[in-house]
Amino acid sequence: MKHDPLTLQEAQALCKDFQHLAGQPYAQSASWTPVISVVVTPYEDINKWIFSRYYAESRNALNALSFYKEHQYDVLVFSASTTNPKWLTYTDLRSYLATHNIPFDITQLQHSFR
């Protein structure tokens, strides 16, 4: 599901509010680890993919984002392969929450931005 882009401040606020997802199950498949990180990323799919390659190498979200010069962001939830930790998979935060039946109520967020 495609969501509207976020500003950097909105993405950072969401990222902070959902750090508790780290360590939670990512998928039903035993091929993927629990969630390893929740990070701010570019909004466009191609730039998310580029970000993910940089992030897989460094595991530093700030450095991985440094190539991005646009002003539209998203928040991704990452997991690693159980056979090769350099292989990552991701989904956007709002899709992850929907898949795991976790309510997304903007008014309940600790770092609300709307």
N, C-alpha and C. Protein backbone atom coordinates (compact mmCIF):
# COMPACT_ATOMS: atom_id res chain seq x y z
N MET A 1 0.85 -1.17 0.00
CA MET A 1 0.00 0.00 0.00
C MET A 1 0.89 1.24 0.00
N LYS A 2 0.61 2.15 -0.91
CA LYS A 2 1.39 3.38 -1.00
C LYS A 2 0.77 4.44 -0.11
N HIS A 3 1.59 5.05 0.70
CA HIS A 3 1.16 6.11 1.61
C HIS A 3 1.72 7.43 1.15
N ASP A 4 1.14 8.51 1.65
CA ASP A 4 1.64 9.84 1.33
C ASP A 4 3.04 10.02 1.93
N PRO A 5 3.87 10.81 1.27
CA PRO A 5 5.21 11.06 1.82
C PRO A 5 5.13 11.86 3.12
N LEU A 6 6.18 11.73 3.90
CA LEU A 6 6.31 12.44 5.17
C LEU A 6 7.38 13.51 5.04
N THR A 7 7.29 14.53 5.87
CA THR A 7 8.41 15.47 6.00
C THR A 7 9.48 14.77 6.83
N LEU A 8 10.66 15.32 6.86
CA LEU A 8 11.73 14.75 7.67
C LEU A 8 11.33 14.73 9.14
N GLN A 9 10.72 15.80 9.62
CA GLN A 9 10.31 15.88 11.03
C GLN A 9 9.24 14.83 11.35
N GLU A 10 8.30 14.63 10.45
CA GLU A 10 7.27 13.62 10.65
C GLU A 10 7.87 12.22 10.69
N ALA A 11 8.76 11.95 9.75
CA ALA A 11 9.41 10.63 9.69
C ALA A 11 10.24 10.38 10.94
N GLN A 12 10.96 11.38 11.40
CA GLN A 12 11.77 11.23 12.61
C GLN A 12 10.89 10.96 13.83
N ALA A 13 9.75 11.65 13.91
CA ALA A 13 8.83 11.44 15.04
C ALA A 13 8.26 10.03 15.02
N LEU A 14 7.84 9.56 13.86
CA LEU A 14 7.33 8.19 13.75
C LEU A 14 8.41 7.17 14.09
N CYS A 15 9.59 7.41 13.59
CA CYS A 15 10.71 6.51 13.87
C CYS A 15 10.95 6.39 15.37
N LYS A 16 10.95 7.51 16.08
CA LYS A 16 11.14 7.50 17.54
C LYS A 16 10.02 6.73 18.24
N ASP A 17 8.80 6.96 17.80
CA ASP A 17 7.65 6.34 18.46
C ASP A 17 7.58 4.83 18.25
N PHE A 18 8.27 4.31 17.25
CA PHE A 18 8.16 2.88 16.97
C PHE A 18 9.48 2.12 17.11
N GLN A 19 10.43 2.68 17.84
CA GLN A 19 11.68 1.98 18.09
C GLN A 19 11.45 0.68 18.88
N HIS A 20 10.35 0.63 19.61
CA HIS A 20 10.05 -0.57 20.40
C HIS A 20 9.77 -1.79 19.53
N LEU A 21 9.62 -1.62 18.22
CA LEU A 21 9.40 -2.77 17.33
C LEU A 21 10.67 -3.60 17.14
N ALA A 22 11.84 -3.01 17.39
CA ALA A 22 13.09 -3.77 17.26
C ALA A 22 13.01 -4.99 18.17
N GLY A 23 13.30 -6.15 17.58
CA GLY A 23 13.24 -7.41 18.32
C GLY A 23 11.90 -8.13 18.20
N GLN A 24 10.91 -7.44 17.66
CA GLN A 24 9.60 -8.08 17.45
C GLN A 24 9.63 -8.91 16.17
N PRO A 25 8.75 -9.90 16.05
CA PRO A 25 8.73 -10.72 14.82
C PRO A 25 8.53 -9.85 13.58
N TYR A 26 9.27 -10.17 12.53
CA TYR A 26 9.12 -9.45 11.28
C TYR A 26 8.12 -10.17 10.37
N ALA A 27 8.29 -11.48 10.25
CA ALA A 27 7.45 -12.26 9.34
C ALA A 27 7.23 -13.65 9.93
N GLN A 28 6.26 -14.36 9.38
CA GLN A 28 5.99 -15.73 9.81
C GLN A 28 7.11 -16.68 9.38
N SER A 29 7.87 -16.30 8.38
CA SER A 29 8.92 -17.14 7.83
C SER A 29 10.13 -17.20 8.75
N ALA A 30 10.71 -18.38 8.87
CA ALA A 30 11.93 -18.54 9.66
C ALA A 30 13.15 -18.05 8.89
N SER A 31 12.95 -17.58 7.68
CA SER A 31 14.05 -17.08 6.86
C SER A 31 14.52 -15.69 7.26
N TRP A 32 13.69 -14.99 8.05
CA TRP A 32 14.01 -13.61 8.42
C TRP A 32 14.07 -13.45 9.93
N THR A 33 15.02 -12.64 10.37
CA THR A 33 15.21 -12.37 11.80
C THR A 33 14.07 -11.48 12.30
N PRO A 34 13.95 -11.34 13.61
CA PRO A 34 13.05 -10.30 14.13
C PRO A 34 13.49 -8.94 13.59
N VAL A 35 12.67 -7.95 13.78
CA VAL A 35 12.97 -6.59 13.32
C VAL A 35 14.32 -6.16 13.88
N ILE A 36 15.19 -5.68 12.99
CA ILE A 36 16.50 -5.21 13.44
C ILE A 36 16.54 -3.70 13.59
N SER A 37 15.66 -2.99 12.86
CA SER A 37 15.67 -1.54 12.97
C SER A 37 14.42 -0.92 12.35
N VAL A 38 14.14 0.28 12.83
CA VAL A 38 13.08 1.13 12.29
C VAL A 38 13.78 2.45 11.98
N VAL A 39 13.82 2.82 10.68
CA VAL A 39 14.64 3.96 10.28
C VAL A 39 13.93 4.88 9.28
N VAL A 40 14.37 6.13 9.26
CA VAL A 40 13.90 7.12 8.29
C VAL A 40 14.59 6.82 6.97
N THR A 41 13.81 6.83 5.89
CA THR A 41 14.34 6.54 4.56
C THR A 41 13.73 7.47 3.52
N PRO A 42 14.28 7.44 2.31
CA PRO A 42 13.64 8.18 1.23
C PRO A 42 12.24 7.63 0.95
N TYR A 43 11.43 8.42 0.30
CA TYR A 43 10.05 8.03 0.00
C TYR A 43 9.93 7.18 -1.28
N GLU A 44 10.65 7.54 -2.32
CA GLU A 44 10.50 6.87 -3.60
C GLU A 44 11.08 5.45 -3.54
N ASP A 45 10.42 4.53 -4.23
CA ASP A 45 10.83 3.12 -4.17
C ASP A 45 12.27 2.90 -4.60
N ILE A 46 12.70 3.52 -5.69
CA ILE A 46 14.07 3.32 -6.15
C ILE A 46 15.06 3.86 -5.12
N ASN A 47 14.75 4.98 -4.50
CA ASN A 47 15.65 5.53 -3.48
C ASN A 47 15.62 4.72 -2.19
N LYS A 48 14.49 4.09 -1.89
CA LYS A 48 14.45 3.16 -0.75
C LYS A 48 15.40 2.00 -1.01
N TRP A 49 15.37 1.49 -2.24
CA TRP A 49 16.24 0.37 -2.58
C TRP A 49 17.71 0.79 -2.48
N ILE A 50 18.05 1.96 -3.03
CA ILE A 50 19.44 2.45 -2.94
C ILE A 50 19.83 2.61 -1.47
N PHE A 51 18.95 3.22 -0.68
CA PHE A 51 19.20 3.37 0.76
C PHE A 51 19.46 2.00 1.39
N SER A 52 18.65 1.02 1.05
CA SER A 52 18.79 -0.31 1.66
C SER A 52 20.14 -0.95 1.35
N ARG A 53 20.70 -0.69 0.17
CA ARG A 53 22.02 -1.23 -0.17
C ARG A 53 23.09 -0.57 0.70
N TYR A 54 23.02 0.74 0.82
CA TYR A 54 23.97 1.45 1.69
C TYR A 54 23.81 0.99 3.15
N TYR A 55 22.58 0.86 3.57
CA TYR A 55 22.30 0.48 4.95
C TYR A 55 22.78 -0.95 5.24
N ALA A 56 22.63 -1.83 4.29
CA ALA A 56 23.08 -3.21 4.46
C ALA A 56 24.59 -3.27 4.71
N GLU A 57 25.32 -2.38 4.07
CA GLU A 57 26.77 -2.36 4.23
C GLU A 57 27.22 -1.73 5.55
N SER A 58 26.58 -0.63 5.93
CA SER A 58 27.08 0.13 7.08
C SER A 58 26.26 -0.03 8.37
N ARG A 59 24.99 -0.36 8.22
CA ARG A 59 24.03 -0.38 9.33
C ARG A 59 23.98 0.97 10.05
N ASN A 60 24.27 2.02 9.29
CA ASN A 60 24.20 3.38 9.80
C ASN A 60 23.20 4.14 8.94
N ALA A 61 22.00 4.36 9.49
CA ALA A 61 20.92 4.98 8.72
C ALA A 61 21.24 6.40 8.29
N LEU A 62 21.89 7.16 9.13
CA LEU A 62 22.23 8.54 8.79
C LEU A 62 23.19 8.59 7.59
N ASN A 63 24.22 7.77 7.62
CA ASN A 63 25.16 7.71 6.50
C ASN A 63 24.47 7.19 5.24
N ALA A 64 23.62 6.20 5.38
CA ALA A 64 22.93 5.63 4.23
C ALA A 64 21.99 6.63 3.58
N LEU A 65 21.50 7.57 4.35
CA LEU A 65 20.56 8.57 3.85
C LEU A 65 21.27 9.78 3.22
N SER A 66 22.57 9.87 3.37
CA SER A 66 23.30 11.07 2.95
C SER A 66 23.24 11.34 1.45
N PHE A 67 22.99 10.33 0.62
CA PHE A 67 22.91 10.54 -0.82
C PHE A 67 21.62 11.24 -1.23
N TYR A 68 20.62 11.20 -0.39
CA TYR A 68 19.27 11.63 -0.75
C TYR A 68 19.13 13.15 -0.65
N LYS A 69 18.71 13.77 -1.73
CA LYS A 69 18.61 15.23 -1.78
C LYS A 69 17.18 15.75 -1.90
N GLU A 70 16.21 14.86 -1.91
CA GLU A 70 14.81 15.26 -2.00
C GLU A 70 14.28 15.59 -0.61
N HIS A 71 12.99 15.87 -0.50
CA HIS A 71 12.41 16.25 0.79
C HIS A 71 11.15 15.46 1.11
N GLN A 72 11.10 14.22 0.64
CA GLN A 72 9.97 13.34 0.93
C GLN A 72 10.53 12.07 1.55
N TYR A 73 9.94 11.69 2.70
CA TYR A 73 10.50 10.60 3.47
C TYR A 73 9.44 9.55 3.83
N ASP A 74 9.95 8.43 4.31
CA ASP A 74 9.11 7.36 4.82
C ASP A 74 9.87 6.73 5.98
N VAL A 75 9.24 5.78 6.64
CA VAL A 75 9.88 5.03 7.72
C VAL A 75 9.78 3.56 7.35
N LEU A 76 10.92 2.87 7.36
CA LEU A 76 10.94 1.46 7.02
C LEU A 76 11.32 0.61 8.22
N VAL A 77 10.80 -0.60 8.20
CA VAL A 77 11.10 -1.62 9.20
C VAL A 77 11.97 -2.66 8.50
N PHE A 78 13.15 -2.94 9.05
CA PHE A 78 14.11 -3.85 8.43
C PHE A 78 14.26 -5.16 9.20
N SER A 79 14.53 -6.21 8.44
CA SER A 79 14.87 -7.52 8.97
C SER A 79 16.03 -8.06 8.14
N ALA A 80 16.79 -8.99 8.72
CA ALA A 80 17.92 -9.59 8.01
C ALA A 80 17.64 -11.07 7.75
N SER A 81 18.28 -11.58 6.74
CA SER A 81 18.19 -13.00 6.44
C SER A 81 18.84 -13.81 7.56
N THR A 82 18.26 -14.93 7.90
CA THR A 82 18.87 -15.78 8.94
C THR A 82 20.09 -16.51 8.41
N THR A 83 20.24 -16.61 7.09
CA THR A 83 21.40 -17.31 6.53
C THR A 83 22.53 -16.36 6.16
N ASN A 84 22.21 -15.09 5.90
CA ASN A 84 23.23 -14.11 5.54
C ASN A 84 22.78 -12.74 6.04
N PRO A 85 23.34 -12.26 7.15
CA PRO A 85 22.89 -10.99 7.74
C PRO A 85 23.10 -9.77 6.85
N LYS A 86 23.86 -9.88 5.76
CA LYS A 86 24.02 -8.76 4.82
C LYS A 86 22.78 -8.60 3.94
N TRP A 87 21.96 -9.64 3.84
CA TRP A 87 20.74 -9.57 3.05
C TRP A 87 19.62 -9.03 3.91
N LEU A 88 19.07 -7.91 3.50
CA LEU A 88 18.00 -7.28 4.27
C LEU A 88 16.70 -7.29 3.47
N THR A 89 15.62 -7.26 4.20
CA THR A 89 14.31 -7.03 3.60
C THR A 89 13.67 -5.92 4.41
N TYR A 90 12.68 -5.28 3.82
CA TYR A 90 12.04 -4.17 4.52
C TYR A 90 10.61 -3.99 4.05
N THR A 91 9.86 -3.29 4.88
CA THR A 91 8.52 -2.86 4.52
C THR A 91 8.30 -1.51 5.18
N ASP A 92 7.38 -0.74 4.63
CA ASP A 92 7.14 0.56 5.26
C ASP A 92 6.41 0.35 6.59
N LEU A 93 6.60 1.26 7.50
CA LEU A 93 6.08 1.14 8.86
C LEU A 93 4.58 0.92 8.88
N ARG A 94 3.84 1.72 8.14
CA ARG A 94 2.38 1.62 8.19
C ARG A 94 1.88 0.27 7.67
N SER A 95 2.53 -0.29 6.66
CA SER A 95 2.17 -1.62 6.17
C SER A 95 2.52 -2.69 7.21
N TYR A 96 3.68 -2.54 7.84
CA TYR A 96 4.07 -3.48 8.90
C TYR A 96 3.02 -3.48 10.01
N LEU A 97 2.63 -2.30 10.45
CA LEU A 97 1.64 -2.20 11.53
C LEU A 97 0.32 -2.86 11.12
N ALA A 98 -0.12 -2.61 9.90
CA ALA A 98 -1.38 -3.20 9.43
C ALA A 98 -1.27 -4.72 9.36
N THR A 99 -0.16 -5.24 8.86
CA THR A 99 0.05 -6.69 8.74
C THR A 99 0.06 -7.36 10.11
N HIS A 100 0.57 -6.68 11.11
CA HIS A 100 0.67 -7.24 12.46
C HIS A 100 -0.48 -6.81 13.37
N ASN A 101 -1.51 -6.25 12.76
CA ASN A 101 -2.71 -5.82 13.51
C ASN A 101 -2.38 -4.89 14.68
N ILE A 102 -1.45 -4.00 14.44
CA ILE A 102 -1.08 -2.99 15.44
C ILE A 102 -1.76 -1.69 15.03
N PRO A 103 -2.60 -1.14 15.88
CA PRO A 103 -3.30 0.09 15.50
C PRO A 103 -2.34 1.25 15.28
N PHE A 104 -2.68 2.04 14.30
CA PHE A 104 -1.90 3.25 14.01
C PHE A 104 -2.83 4.43 14.24
N ASP A 105 -2.76 4.98 15.43
CA ASP A 105 -3.60 6.11 15.80
C ASP A 105 -2.70 7.31 16.03
N ILE A 106 -2.73 8.20 15.08
CA ILE A 106 -1.85 9.36 15.09
C ILE A 106 -2.00 10.19 16.37
N THR A 107 -3.19 10.20 16.96
CA THR A 107 -3.43 11.00 18.16
C THR A 107 -2.78 10.38 19.40
N GLN A 108 -2.43 9.10 19.33
CA GLN A 108 -1.83 8.42 20.47
C GLN A 108 -0.29 8.43 20.45
N LEU A 109 0.27 8.98 19.40
CA LEU A 109 1.72 8.96 19.29
C LEU A 109 2.38 9.89 20.27
N GLN A 110 3.48 9.44 20.84
CA GLN A 110 4.22 10.21 21.82
C GLN A 110 4.80 11.48 21.20
N HIS A 111 5.29 11.39 19.99
CA HIS A 111 5.92 12.52 19.32
C HIS A 111 5.03 12.99 18.17
N SER A 112 3.79 13.26 18.47
CA SER A 112 2.80 13.60 17.46
C SER A 112 3.24 14.78 16.60
N PHE A 113 2.89 14.71 15.33
CA PHE A 113 3.27 15.77 14.40
C PHE A 113 2.09 16.33 13.64
N ARG A 114 0.89 15.89 13.91
CA ARG A 114 -0.29 16.43 13.21
C ARG A 114 -1.33 16.87 14.19
